[in-house]
N, C-alpha and C. Protein backbone atom coordinates (compact mmCIF):
# COMPACT_ATOMS: atom_id res chain seq x y z
N MET A 1 -56.32 -20.66 3.64
CA MET A 1 -56.71 -19.23 3.91
C MET A 1 -55.00 -19.05 4.30
N GLN A 2 -54.63 -19.81 4.69
CA GLN A 2 -53.12 -20.21 4.99
C GLN A 2 -51.80 -20.35 4.14
N ARG A 3 -52.69 -20.66 3.06
CA ARG A 3 -52.21 -21.70 1.08
C ARG A 3 -51.55 -19.35 0.97
N ILE A 4 -52.69 -18.58 1.07
CA ILE A 4 -52.83 -17.35 -0.02
C ILE A 4 -52.00 -16.74 1.38
N ILE A 5 -51.85 -17.01 2.60
CA ILE A 5 -50.80 -16.15 3.81
C ILE A 5 -49.21 -16.59 3.03
N GLY A 6 -49.39 -18.36 2.84
CA GLY A 6 -47.83 -18.76 2.73
C GLY A 6 -47.24 -17.88 1.92
N ILE A 7 -47.88 -18.05 0.37
CA ILE A 7 -47.90 -17.64 -0.61
C ILE A 7 -47.32 -16.30 -0.62
N SER A 8 -48.16 -15.46 0.21
CA SER A 8 -47.80 -13.46 -0.22
C SER A 8 -46.54 -14.06 0.69
N ALA A 9 -46.36 -14.35 2.13
CA ALA A 9 -45.23 -14.10 2.98
C ALA A 9 -44.08 -14.36 2.10
N MET A 10 -43.83 -15.85 1.16
CA MET A 10 -42.76 -15.89 0.20
C MET A 10 -42.93 -14.97 -0.51
N PHE A 11 -43.94 -14.49 -1.49
CA PHE A 11 -43.65 -13.66 -2.23
C PHE A 11 -42.58 -12.18 -1.60
N LEU A 12 -43.49 -12.04 -0.21
CA LEU A 12 -42.76 -10.36 0.05
C LEU A 12 -41.56 -10.77 0.53
N LEU A 13 -40.91 -12.04 0.71
CA LEU A 13 -39.53 -12.24 1.08
C LEU A 13 -39.18 -12.60 -0.15
N VAL A 14 -38.51 -12.70 -1.11
CA VAL A 14 -38.44 -12.54 -2.61
C VAL A 14 -38.32 -11.49 -2.60
N SER A 15 -39.25 -10.72 -2.55
CA SER A 15 -39.19 -9.51 -3.70
C SER A 15 -38.50 -7.90 -2.66
N THR A 16 -38.33 -8.57 -1.42
CA THR A 16 -37.25 -8.34 -0.39
C THR A 16 -35.59 -8.64 -0.99
N ALA A 17 -35.57 -10.02 -1.14
CA ALA A 17 -34.52 -10.09 -0.94
C ALA A 17 -33.24 -9.12 -2.82
N ALA A 18 -34.69 -8.84 -3.66
CA ALA A 18 -34.31 -8.58 -4.71
C ALA A 18 -34.44 -7.49 -4.91
N PHE A 19 -34.78 -6.90 -4.27
CA PHE A 19 -34.76 -5.17 -4.26
C PHE A 19 -33.43 -4.76 -3.19
N ALA A 20 -33.04 -5.28 -2.25
CA ALA A 20 -31.83 -4.99 -1.46
C ALA A 20 -30.56 -5.73 -3.02
N GLN A 21 -30.56 -7.00 -3.42
CA GLN A 21 -29.55 -6.92 -4.50
C GLN A 21 -29.37 -5.98 -5.23
N GLY A 22 -30.65 -5.45 -5.75
CA GLY A 22 -30.43 -4.44 -6.29
C GLY A 22 -30.02 -3.28 -5.99
N ARG A 23 -30.58 -2.92 -5.32
CA ARG A 23 -30.20 -1.45 -4.57
C ARG A 23 -27.78 -1.57 -3.95
N ALA A 24 -27.74 -2.74 -3.69
CA ALA A 24 -26.24 -3.03 -3.38
C ALA A 24 -25.54 -2.76 -5.09
N ARG A 25 -26.55 -3.65 -6.19
CA ARG A 25 -25.52 -3.45 -6.98
C ARG A 25 -25.26 -1.94 -7.37
N GLU A 26 -27.03 -1.23 -7.61
CA GLU A 26 -27.02 -0.04 -7.79
C GLU A 26 -25.42 1.33 -7.54
N GLY A 27 -25.26 1.00 -6.08
CA GLY A 27 -24.31 1.60 -4.97
C GLY A 27 -23.49 1.31 -5.99
N GLN A 28 -22.75 -0.16 -6.30
CA GLN A 28 -21.32 -0.55 -7.13
C GLN A 28 -21.45 0.54 -8.17
N GLN A 29 -22.21 0.44 -8.73
CA GLN A 29 -22.37 1.05 -10.04
C GLN A 29 -22.15 2.39 -10.82
N ARG A 30 -22.98 2.90 -8.81
CA ARG A 30 -22.81 4.49 -9.51
C ARG A 30 -21.31 4.89 -8.49
N GLY A 31 -20.15 4.15 -8.25
CA GLY A 31 -19.15 4.02 -8.50
C GLY A 31 -18.60 4.28 -6.51
N ALA A 32 -19.24 4.22 -6.09
CA ALA A 32 -18.94 3.85 -4.04
C ALA A 32 -17.27 3.02 -4.17
N LYS A 33 -16.42 3.89 -4.88
CA LYS A 33 -15.04 3.24 -4.18
C LYS A 33 -14.27 2.95 -3.41
N PRO A 34 -13.74 2.64 -2.89
CA PRO A 34 -12.74 1.83 -1.72
C PRO A 34 -12.27 3.51 -1.45
N GLU A 35 -11.37 2.82 0.16
CA GLU A 35 -11.20 3.64 1.13
C GLU A 35 -9.31 3.48 0.54
N VAL A 36 -9.29 2.45 0.03
CA VAL A 36 -7.97 1.73 -0.27
C VAL A 36 -8.10 1.25 -1.35
N GLY A 37 -6.94 1.48 -2.91
CA GLY A 37 -6.83 0.70 -3.47
C GLY A 37 -7.47 0.42 -4.66
N GLY A 38 -7.93 -0.64 -4.92
CA GLY A 38 -9.05 -0.42 -5.84
C GLY A 38 -8.76 0.48 -7.60
N GLY A 39 -7.71 0.63 -7.47
CA GLY A 39 -7.21 1.60 -9.13
C GLY A 39 -6.64 2.94 -8.83
N TYR A 40 -7.00 3.47 -7.32
CA TYR A 40 -6.71 4.32 -7.51
C TYR A 40 -5.41 5.08 -7.06
N ILE A 41 -4.20 5.84 -7.84
CA ILE A 41 -2.86 6.12 -7.43
C ILE A 41 -2.91 7.51 -7.07
N PRO A 42 -2.52 7.61 -5.67
CA PRO A 42 -1.78 9.17 -5.43
C PRO A 42 -0.81 10.51 -5.88
N LYS A 43 -1.76 11.63 -6.23
CA LYS A 43 -1.42 12.21 -6.78
C LYS A 43 0.34 12.04 -6.48
N ARG A 44 0.98 12.77 -5.59
CA ARG A 44 2.27 12.58 -5.10
C ARG A 44 2.62 11.62 -3.78
N GLY A 45 3.68 11.13 -3.80
CA GLY A 45 3.86 10.84 -2.44
C GLY A 45 4.68 11.49 -1.14
N PRO A 46 4.81 10.86 -0.41
CA PRO A 46 4.65 11.71 1.39
C PRO A 46 5.45 12.44 1.51
N ALA A 47 5.33 13.41 2.20
CA ALA A 47 5.61 14.47 2.69
C ALA A 47 6.71 13.86 3.09
N PRO A 48 8.24 14.61 3.62
CA PRO A 48 9.07 13.96 4.75
C PRO A 48 8.29 14.44 5.34
N VAL A 49 9.18 13.34 6.74
CA VAL A 49 8.90 13.44 8.46
C VAL A 49 9.71 14.78 8.93
N ARG A 50 8.79 16.16 9.37
CA ARG A 50 9.66 16.14 10.67
C ARG A 50 9.08 15.60 11.67
N ALA A 51 11.23 15.91 12.27
CA ALA A 51 11.69 15.23 13.72
C ALA A 51 11.22 16.02 14.25
N PRO A 52 11.05 15.31 14.96
CA PRO A 52 10.61 16.58 16.32
C PRO A 52 11.63 16.51 17.13
N HIS A 53 11.72 16.84 17.63
CA HIS A 53 13.37 18.20 18.72
C HIS A 53 13.70 17.34 19.49
N VAL A 54 14.48 16.99 19.60
CA VAL A 54 15.59 15.41 20.33
C VAL A 54 16.35 16.66 21.08
N ASP A 55 15.95 15.91 22.57
CA ASP A 55 16.89 16.85 23.84
C ASP A 55 17.79 15.99 23.90
N ARG A 56 19.26 16.28 23.70
CA ARG A 56 20.07 15.59 23.61
C ARG A 56 20.79 15.21 25.15
N ASN A 57 19.96 15.48 25.84
CA ASN A 57 20.42 15.72 27.65
C ASN A 57 19.24 14.01 28.12
N ALA A 58 18.66 14.23 27.42
CA ALA A 58 17.10 12.45 27.76
C ALA A 58 17.90 12.01 27.71
N PRO A 59 17.97 11.12 28.64
CA PRO A 59 18.20 9.19 28.39
C PRO A 59 17.47 8.57 27.82
N ALA A 60 18.20 7.56 26.92
CA ALA A 60 18.32 7.21 25.60
C ALA A 60 17.06 6.10 25.80
N ARG A 61 16.01 6.05 24.52
CA ARG A 61 14.80 5.26 24.87
C ARG A 61 15.34 3.96 24.20
N PRO A 62 15.03 2.56 24.92
CA PRO A 62 15.42 1.37 25.10
C PRO A 62 14.68 0.63 23.40
N ALA A 63 15.80 0.47 22.68
CA ALA A 63 15.43 -0.06 21.63
C ALA A 63 13.88 -0.81 21.22
N GLU A 64 13.69 -0.98 20.29
CA GLU A 64 12.28 -2.29 20.90
C GLU A 64 12.81 -3.60 20.37
N GLU A 65 12.38 -4.55 20.85
CA GLU A 65 13.05 -5.71 20.39
C GLU A 65 12.49 -6.26 19.01
N HIS A 66 11.08 -6.29 18.68
CA HIS A 66 10.35 -7.08 17.81
C HIS A 66 9.44 -5.20 16.90
N PRO A 67 10.28 -4.47 16.42
CA PRO A 67 9.41 -3.35 16.75
C PRO A 67 8.70 -3.48 15.08
N ALA A 68 8.61 -4.44 14.19
CA ALA A 68 7.79 -4.88 13.47
C ALA A 68 6.04 -5.16 13.74
N GLU A 69 6.81 -5.97 15.07
CA GLU A 69 5.27 -6.86 15.81
C GLU A 69 4.44 -5.63 16.01
N ALA A 70 5.09 -4.41 16.86
CA ALA A 70 4.51 -3.62 17.39
C ALA A 70 3.81 -2.65 16.39
N ARG A 71 4.19 -2.63 15.22
CA ARG A 71 3.64 -1.70 14.05
C ARG A 71 1.98 -2.33 13.74
N LYS A 72 1.59 -0.90 13.42
CA LYS A 72 -0.49 -1.62 13.30
C LYS A 72 -0.87 -0.58 11.87
N PHE A 73 -1.21 -1.12 11.23
CA PHE A 73 -1.43 -0.16 9.72
C PHE A 73 -3.11 -0.02 9.29
N ASN A 74 -3.25 -0.69 9.50
CA ASN A 74 -4.96 -0.77 9.66
C ASN A 74 -5.87 -0.41 10.65
N ASP A 75 -5.53 1.32 10.14
CA ASP A 75 -5.91 2.28 11.06
C ASP A 75 -7.74 2.77 11.17
N ARG A 76 -8.13 1.62 9.80
CA ARG A 76 -9.97 1.71 9.81
C ARG A 76 -10.45 -0.06 9.70
N GLU A 77 -11.84 0.06 10.05
CA GLU A 77 -11.92 -1.49 10.18
C GLU A 77 -11.66 -1.24 8.06
N GLY A 78 -11.84 -2.91 7.67
CA GLY A 78 -11.08 -3.14 6.30
C GLY A 78 -10.12 -2.37 5.49
N HIS A 79 -9.25 -2.25 7.03
CA HIS A 79 -7.99 -1.63 6.18
C HIS A 79 -6.85 -2.21 6.00
N PRO A 80 -6.55 -2.51 5.30
CA PRO A 80 -4.56 -3.05 5.14
C PRO A 80 -3.50 -3.46 6.28
N GLU A 81 -3.39 -5.09 7.00
CA GLU A 81 -2.53 -4.25 8.16
C GLU A 81 -1.20 -4.31 7.41
N ALA A 82 -1.34 -3.19 6.19
CA ALA A 82 0.17 -3.10 5.69
C ALA A 82 0.40 -1.43 5.64
N PRO A 83 1.67 -1.09 5.09
CA PRO A 83 1.06 0.77 4.71
C PRO A 83 1.02 0.39 3.63
N HIS A 84 -0.22 1.71 3.53
CA HIS A 84 -1.00 1.82 2.56
C HIS A 84 -1.34 3.37 2.42
N VAL A 85 -2.48 3.70 1.46
CA VAL A 85 -2.49 4.94 0.79
C VAL A 85 -3.92 5.21 0.66
N HIS A 86 -4.60 6.24 1.79
CA HIS A 86 -6.49 6.59 1.49
C HIS A 86 -6.19 7.02 0.22
N THR A 87 -7.82 7.12 -0.19
CA THR A 87 -8.06 7.66 -1.98
C THR A 87 -8.13 8.99 -1.90
N ASP A 88 -7.47 9.58 0.09
CA ASP A 88 -7.96 11.21 0.20
C ASP A 88 -5.93 11.41 -0.46
N GLY A 89 -5.37 10.86 -0.43
CA GLY A 89 -4.21 10.72 -0.81
C GLY A 89 -3.20 11.11 0.92
N LYS A 90 -3.60 10.22 1.69
CA LYS A 90 -3.36 10.20 3.07
C LYS A 90 -2.32 9.05 2.68
N TRP A 91 -0.88 8.63 3.03
CA TRP A 91 0.22 8.11 3.45
C TRP A 91 0.00 7.47 5.18
N VAL A 92 -0.67 6.26 4.54
CA VAL A 92 -0.43 5.40 6.73
C VAL A 92 0.94 4.91 6.40
N GLY A 93 1.88 4.95 7.39
CA GLY A 93 2.93 4.26 7.79
C GLY A 93 4.08 4.24 7.11
N HIS A 94 4.36 5.79 7.19
CA HIS A 94 5.32 6.54 6.75
C HIS A 94 5.79 7.58 6.91
N GLU A 95 6.22 7.11 8.46
CA GLU A 95 6.08 8.22 9.25
C GLU A 95 7.31 8.07 10.71
N SER A 96 7.86 7.24 10.27
CA SER A 96 9.41 6.96 10.78
C SER A 96 10.36 7.55 10.89
N GLY A 97 10.47 8.82 10.19
CA GLY A 97 11.80 10.03 9.99
C GLY A 97 12.76 9.15 9.59
N ARG A 98 13.75 10.46 8.40
CA ARG A 98 15.24 9.77 8.71
C ARG A 98 15.79 8.87 9.79
N GLU A 99 15.62 9.16 10.93
CA GLU A 99 16.44 8.37 11.71
C GLU A 99 16.17 6.78 11.68
N ASP A 100 15.47 6.32 11.13
CA ASP A 100 14.46 5.10 11.56
C ASP A 100 15.56 4.33 10.79
N ALA A 101 16.15 3.36 11.85
CA ALA A 101 17.46 2.19 10.85
C ALA A 101 16.98 1.17 10.62
N HIS A 102 16.46 0.37 9.91
CA HIS A 102 15.70 0.14 9.07
C HIS A 102 16.06 -0.06 7.93
N TYR A 103 15.59 1.87 7.55
CA TYR A 103 16.43 1.98 6.36
C TYR A 103 17.54 2.58 5.60
N HIS A 104 18.23 2.20 7.29
CA HIS A 104 19.56 2.92 6.58
C HIS A 104 20.22 1.92 6.31
N LEU A 105 21.26 2.83 5.13
CA LEU A 105 22.45 2.58 4.12
C LEU A 105 23.39 2.72 3.61
N ASP A 106 24.58 2.68 3.97
CA ASP A 106 25.29 3.34 4.04
C ASP A 106 25.57 3.48 2.64
N ARG A 107 25.69 2.65 1.50
CA ARG A 107 25.86 3.58 -0.03
C ARG A 107 24.64 3.88 -0.27
N PRO A 108 23.90 4.45 -0.30
CA PRO A 108 22.49 5.01 -0.56
C PRO A 108 23.04 4.65 -2.05
N TRP A 109 22.36 4.51 -3.50
CA TRP A 109 22.10 4.40 -4.55
C TRP A 109 23.39 3.28 -5.17
N GLU A 110 23.46 2.43 -4.62
CA GLU A 110 25.00 2.20 -4.86
C GLU A 110 24.64 1.37 -6.44
N HIS A 111 23.26 1.21 -7.19
CA HIS A 111 23.33 0.59 -8.05
C HIS A 111 23.13 1.64 -9.33
N GLY A 112 22.97 2.23 -8.32
CA GLY A 112 22.79 4.06 -10.09
C GLY A 112 21.14 4.97 -9.13
N ARG A 113 20.70 5.82 -10.06
CA ARG A 113 19.19 6.62 -9.34
C ARG A 113 18.38 6.05 -10.79
N PHE A 114 16.93 5.51 -10.08
CA PHE A 114 16.33 4.92 -11.45
C PHE A 114 15.85 6.02 -12.09
N THR A 115 15.44 5.19 -13.48
CA THR A 115 15.01 7.35 -14.19
C THR A 115 13.99 7.04 -15.53
N GLY A 116 13.43 5.83 -15.41
CA GLY A 116 12.58 5.64 -16.15
C GLY A 116 11.43 5.93 -15.94
N GLY A 117 10.82 6.96 -14.35
CA GLY A 117 9.44 7.67 -14.95
C GLY A 117 9.31 7.44 -13.42
N ILE A 118 8.51 8.70 -12.80
CA ILE A 118 8.90 8.08 -11.14
C ILE A 118 7.51 9.19 -10.90
N GLY A 119 6.13 8.83 -9.59
CA GLY A 119 5.03 9.62 -9.69
C GLY A 119 3.61 9.02 -10.77
N ARG A 120 2.76 9.18 -10.14
CA ARG A 120 1.72 8.86 -10.72
C ARG A 120 1.23 9.01 -12.50
N GLY A 121 2.67 9.34 -13.19
CA GLY A 121 2.26 9.73 -14.68
C GLY A 121 2.79 7.99 -15.03
N HIS A 122 3.40 7.72 -14.35
CA HIS A 122 4.73 6.32 -14.96
C HIS A 122 3.43 4.90 -14.16
N VAL A 123 2.79 4.43 -14.51
CA VAL A 123 2.68 3.05 -14.17
C VAL A 123 3.61 1.60 -15.19
N TRP A 124 3.36 1.15 -13.90
CA TRP A 124 4.65 -0.28 -14.70
C TRP A 124 4.02 -1.55 -14.10
N ARG A 125 4.02 -2.01 -14.95
CA ARG A 125 3.48 -3.66 -14.43
C ARG A 125 4.98 -4.58 -14.21
N ILE A 126 4.43 -5.33 -13.22
CA ILE A 126 5.54 -6.40 -12.54
C ILE A 126 5.38 -7.41 -13.64
N GLY A 127 6.64 -7.51 -14.46
CA GLY A 127 7.11 -8.41 -14.73
C GLY A 127 7.64 -9.75 -14.32
N GLY A 128 7.74 -10.07 -13.25
CA GLY A 128 8.00 -11.09 -12.75
C GLY A 128 9.25 -11.32 -11.71
N GLY A 129 9.52 -12.39 -10.62
CA GLY A 129 10.22 -12.50 -9.69
C GLY A 129 9.57 -12.45 -8.64
N GLY A 130 9.82 -11.48 -7.61
CA GLY A 130 9.64 -11.93 -6.12
C GLY A 130 10.08 -10.90 -5.21
N PRO A 131 9.52 -10.49 -4.32
CA PRO A 131 10.51 -9.87 -3.02
C PRO A 131 12.51 -9.34 -3.20
N SER A 132 13.06 -10.60 -3.69
CA SER A 132 14.32 -10.54 -3.61
C SER A 132 14.78 -9.52 -4.64
N LEU A 133 13.69 -10.19 -5.29
CA LEU A 133 14.26 -9.49 -7.63
C LEU A 133 13.06 -9.47 -8.11
N PHE A 134 12.76 -7.95 -8.11
CA PHE A 134 11.15 -8.16 -9.52
C PHE A 134 12.19 -7.51 -10.36
N TRP A 135 11.46 -7.27 -11.98
CA TRP A 135 11.33 -6.09 -12.33
C TRP A 135 9.99 -5.96 -13.25
N PHE A 136 10.30 -4.99 -13.88
CA PHE A 136 9.67 -4.31 -15.21
C PHE A 136 10.15 -3.07 -16.12
N GLY A 137 9.37 -3.18 -17.31
CA GLY A 137 10.50 -2.29 -17.94
C GLY A 137 11.73 -2.34 -18.41
N GLY A 138 12.74 -3.59 -17.80
CA GLY A 138 14.11 -3.35 -17.79
C GLY A 138 14.42 -3.01 -16.80
N PHE A 139 14.50 -2.93 -16.05
CA PHE A 139 14.25 -2.44 -14.64
C PHE A 139 14.39 -3.21 -13.09
N GLY A 140 15.93 -2.99 -12.60
CA GLY A 140 15.08 -4.52 -11.33
C GLY A 140 15.46 -3.73 -9.80
N TRP A 141 14.92 -4.25 -8.83
CA TRP A 141 14.27 -3.82 -8.24
C TRP A 141 14.18 -4.78 -6.98
N SER A 142 14.29 -4.40 -5.53
CA SER A 142 14.89 -5.13 -4.32
C SER A 142 13.70 -4.70 -3.10
N VAL A 143 12.54 -5.43 -2.53
CA VAL A 143 11.97 -5.15 -1.31
C VAL A 143 12.82 -4.49 0.01
N ALA A 144 12.66 -4.28 0.64
CA ALA A 144 13.49 -3.91 2.09
C ALA A 144 13.37 -4.69 2.58
N PRO A 145 14.37 -5.34 3.46
CA PRO A 145 13.90 -6.89 4.44
C PRO A 145 13.11 -6.41 5.03
N TYR A 146 12.75 -4.77 5.90
CA TYR A 146 12.22 -5.36 6.90
C TYR A 146 10.88 -4.64 6.34
N ASP A 147 10.14 -4.49 5.13
CA ASP A 147 8.90 -4.47 4.42
C ASP A 147 8.64 -6.00 3.61
N ILE A 148 9.27 -7.15 3.86
CA ILE A 148 8.67 -8.39 2.82
C ILE A 148 7.25 -8.36 3.39
N GLY A 149 7.21 -8.60 4.89
CA GLY A 149 5.61 -9.20 5.98
C GLY A 149 5.09 -8.28 4.48
N TYR A 150 4.94 -7.68 3.84
CA TYR A 150 3.60 -6.87 3.67
C TYR A 150 3.38 -6.66 2.21
N VAL A 151 4.18 -7.82 1.28
CA VAL A 151 4.04 -8.12 0.34
C VAL A 151 3.43 -9.87 -0.56
N ASP A 152 2.27 -9.97 0.88
CA ASP A 152 2.02 -11.10 0.47
C ASP A 152 1.19 -11.19 -0.61
N GLY A 153 0.23 -10.21 -0.48
CA GLY A 153 -0.53 -10.52 -1.35
C GLY A 153 -0.28 -9.85 -2.90
N TRP A 154 0.53 -9.43 -3.11
CA TRP A 154 0.96 -8.79 -4.39
C TRP A 154 1.48 -10.02 -5.49
N LEU A 155 0.78 -9.88 -6.88
CA LEU A 155 1.47 -10.22 -7.76
C LEU A 155 2.32 -10.03 -8.61
N TRP A 156 3.50 -10.76 -8.33
CA TRP A 156 4.89 -10.78 -9.05
C TRP A 156 5.35 -11.01 -10.58
N ASP A 157 4.13 -11.71 -11.34
CA ASP A 157 3.57 -11.33 -12.80
C ASP A 157 2.15 -10.19 -13.42
N SER A 158 2.06 -9.58 -12.48
CA SER A 158 0.76 -9.26 -13.13
C SER A 158 0.21 -7.95 -12.20
N ASP A 159 0.86 -7.36 -11.26
CA ASP A 159 -0.08 -5.81 -10.51
C ASP A 159 0.67 -5.27 -11.57
N ASN A 160 0.06 -3.75 -11.20
CA ASN A 160 0.37 -2.65 -11.90
C ASN A 160 0.82 -2.05 -10.42
N ILE A 161 2.19 -1.04 -10.29
CA ILE A 161 2.76 -0.11 -9.25
C ILE A 161 2.94 1.38 -9.97
N VAL A 162 3.39 2.01 -8.80
CA VAL A 162 3.67 2.89 -9.09
C VAL A 162 5.03 3.27 -8.31
N ILE A 163 6.48 4.14 -8.92
CA ILE A 163 7.79 4.48 -7.93
C ILE A 163 7.77 5.75 -7.89
N TYR A 164 7.52 5.82 -5.70
CA TYR A 164 7.58 7.21 -5.86
C TYR A 164 9.02 7.88 -5.11
N ASP A 165 9.52 8.61 -4.66
CA ASP A 165 11.28 9.12 -4.25
C ASP A 165 10.17 8.55 -3.04
N ASP A 166 11.72 8.32 -2.42
CA ASP A 166 11.14 8.24 -0.59
C ASP A 166 11.64 9.73 0.55
N PRO A 167 11.33 10.49 0.43
CA PRO A 167 11.57 11.79 1.18
C PRO A 167 12.43 12.11 2.18
N ASP A 168 12.09 10.53 2.87
CA ASP A 168 13.19 10.32 4.22
C ASP A 168 14.72 9.30 4.32
N HIS A 169 14.53 8.36 3.82
CA HIS A 169 15.69 7.03 3.16
C HIS A 169 15.84 7.13 2.24
N PRO A 170 17.01 8.13 2.22
CA PRO A 170 18.30 7.53 0.82
C PRO A 170 18.98 6.72 0.50
N GLY A 171 17.90 6.27 -0.97
CA GLY A 171 18.75 4.74 -1.12
C GLY A 171 17.15 4.37 -1.61
N TRP A 172 15.88 4.82 -0.79
CA TRP A 172 15.48 3.52 -1.21
C TRP A 172 14.04 4.93 -1.95
N TYR A 173 12.97 4.20 -2.15
CA TYR A 173 12.07 4.55 -3.17
C TYR A 173 10.30 3.55 -2.73
N LEU A 174 9.40 4.17 -3.45
CA LEU A 174 8.30 3.71 -2.38
C LEU A 174 7.62 2.87 -3.20
N ALA A 175 7.32 1.69 -4.14
CA ALA A 175 6.56 0.87 -5.04
C ALA A 175 5.51 0.69 -4.20
N TYR A 176 4.32 1.86 -4.82
CA TYR A 176 3.01 1.56 -4.89
C TYR A 176 2.20 0.61 -5.44
N ASN A 177 1.13 -0.49 -4.73
CA ASN A 177 0.24 -1.18 -6.07
C ASN A 177 -1.25 -0.75 -5.66
N VAL A 178 -1.16 -0.60 -6.90
CA VAL A 178 -3.08 0.30 -7.59
C VAL A 178 -3.27 -0.49 -7.11
N ARG A 179 -3.10 -1.95 -7.32
CA ARG A 179 -4.46 -2.82 -6.84
C ARG A 179 -4.76 -3.01 -5.17
N LEU A 180 -3.94 -3.08 -4.82
CA LEU A 180 -4.25 -3.33 -3.21
C LEU A 180 -3.71 -2.28 -2.16
N GLY A 181 -3.39 -0.71 -3.31
CA GLY A 181 -3.58 0.24 -1.86
C GLY A 181 -2.30 0.67 -1.65
N THR A 182 -1.89 -1.07 -1.68
CA THR A 182 -0.33 -0.63 -0.66
C THR A 182 1.63 -0.95 -1.18
N TYR A 183 1.84 -0.58 -0.63
CA TYR A 183 3.17 0.23 -0.40
C TYR A 183 4.46 -0.74 -0.05
N VAL A 184 5.15 -0.28 -0.30
CA VAL A 184 7.09 -1.12 0.70
C VAL A 184 8.47 0.03 -0.45
N HIS A 185 9.14 0.13 1.13
CA HIS A 185 10.53 0.32 -0.03
C HIS A 185 10.78 -0.48 -0.61
N VAL A 186 11.38 -0.08 -1.21
CA VAL A 186 12.77 -0.67 -2.85
C VAL A 186 13.44 0.08 -2.82
N MET A 187 14.64 -1.22 -3.26
CA MET A 187 15.78 -0.76 -3.82
C MET A 187 15.95 -1.17 -5.04
N TYR A 188 16.61 0.47 -6.22
CA TYR A 188 16.54 -0.44 -7.49
C TYR A 188 17.66 -0.85 -7.26
N MET A 189 17.92 -1.64 -8.15
CA MET A 189 18.61 -2.66 -8.47
C MET A 189 19.64 -2.15 -9.66
N GLY A 190 18.97 -1.30 -10.98
CA GLY A 190 19.94 -1.59 -12.00
C GLY A 190 19.21 -2.21 -13.08
N PRO A 191 19.56 -1.87 -14.27
CA PRO A 191 18.64 -2.63 -15.89
C PRO A 191 18.98 -4.28 -15.39
N HIS A 192 17.21 -5.12 -15.94
CA HIS A 192 17.63 -5.84 -15.79
C HIS A 192 16.64 -6.82 -17.36
């Protein structure tokens, strides 16, 4: 009798595990998509940040000593700790506006403006390099120094990216990584 109970318990355990695996695969096949990345491409770039009214008589706020350490982007469990785009089109991390000194350039577009194709209809495969200089389609790019910590997982010889205009920071573009769903500020460096 104990043998029959043992065999029945083992059969029940194995069939329960197989059923659970089947349900997990079924969910993946039905197109359960991640909330960030996974091939999603935003329809458009971020909207310009509306600057709050500045009271010129108010005392100046002290500058943060370590602003990069204070920035947090994983707004939900499982989201990256980097600027990213939700699959509903929400750009997370692009809230600093025009006055952000980290993206100020004395000579915006000093290498010219990118004319190779911007937005969802133009997916580019990175052809090599690294954060300080990478290229695709004969065009060179450089990641903003303030954003270099957000490209650790990028594959510099094969990731697909989409370039968007940055509506708040003249001279910068946004490079969106299709695989990861993250983005960084990049400067166009001219033909490469």
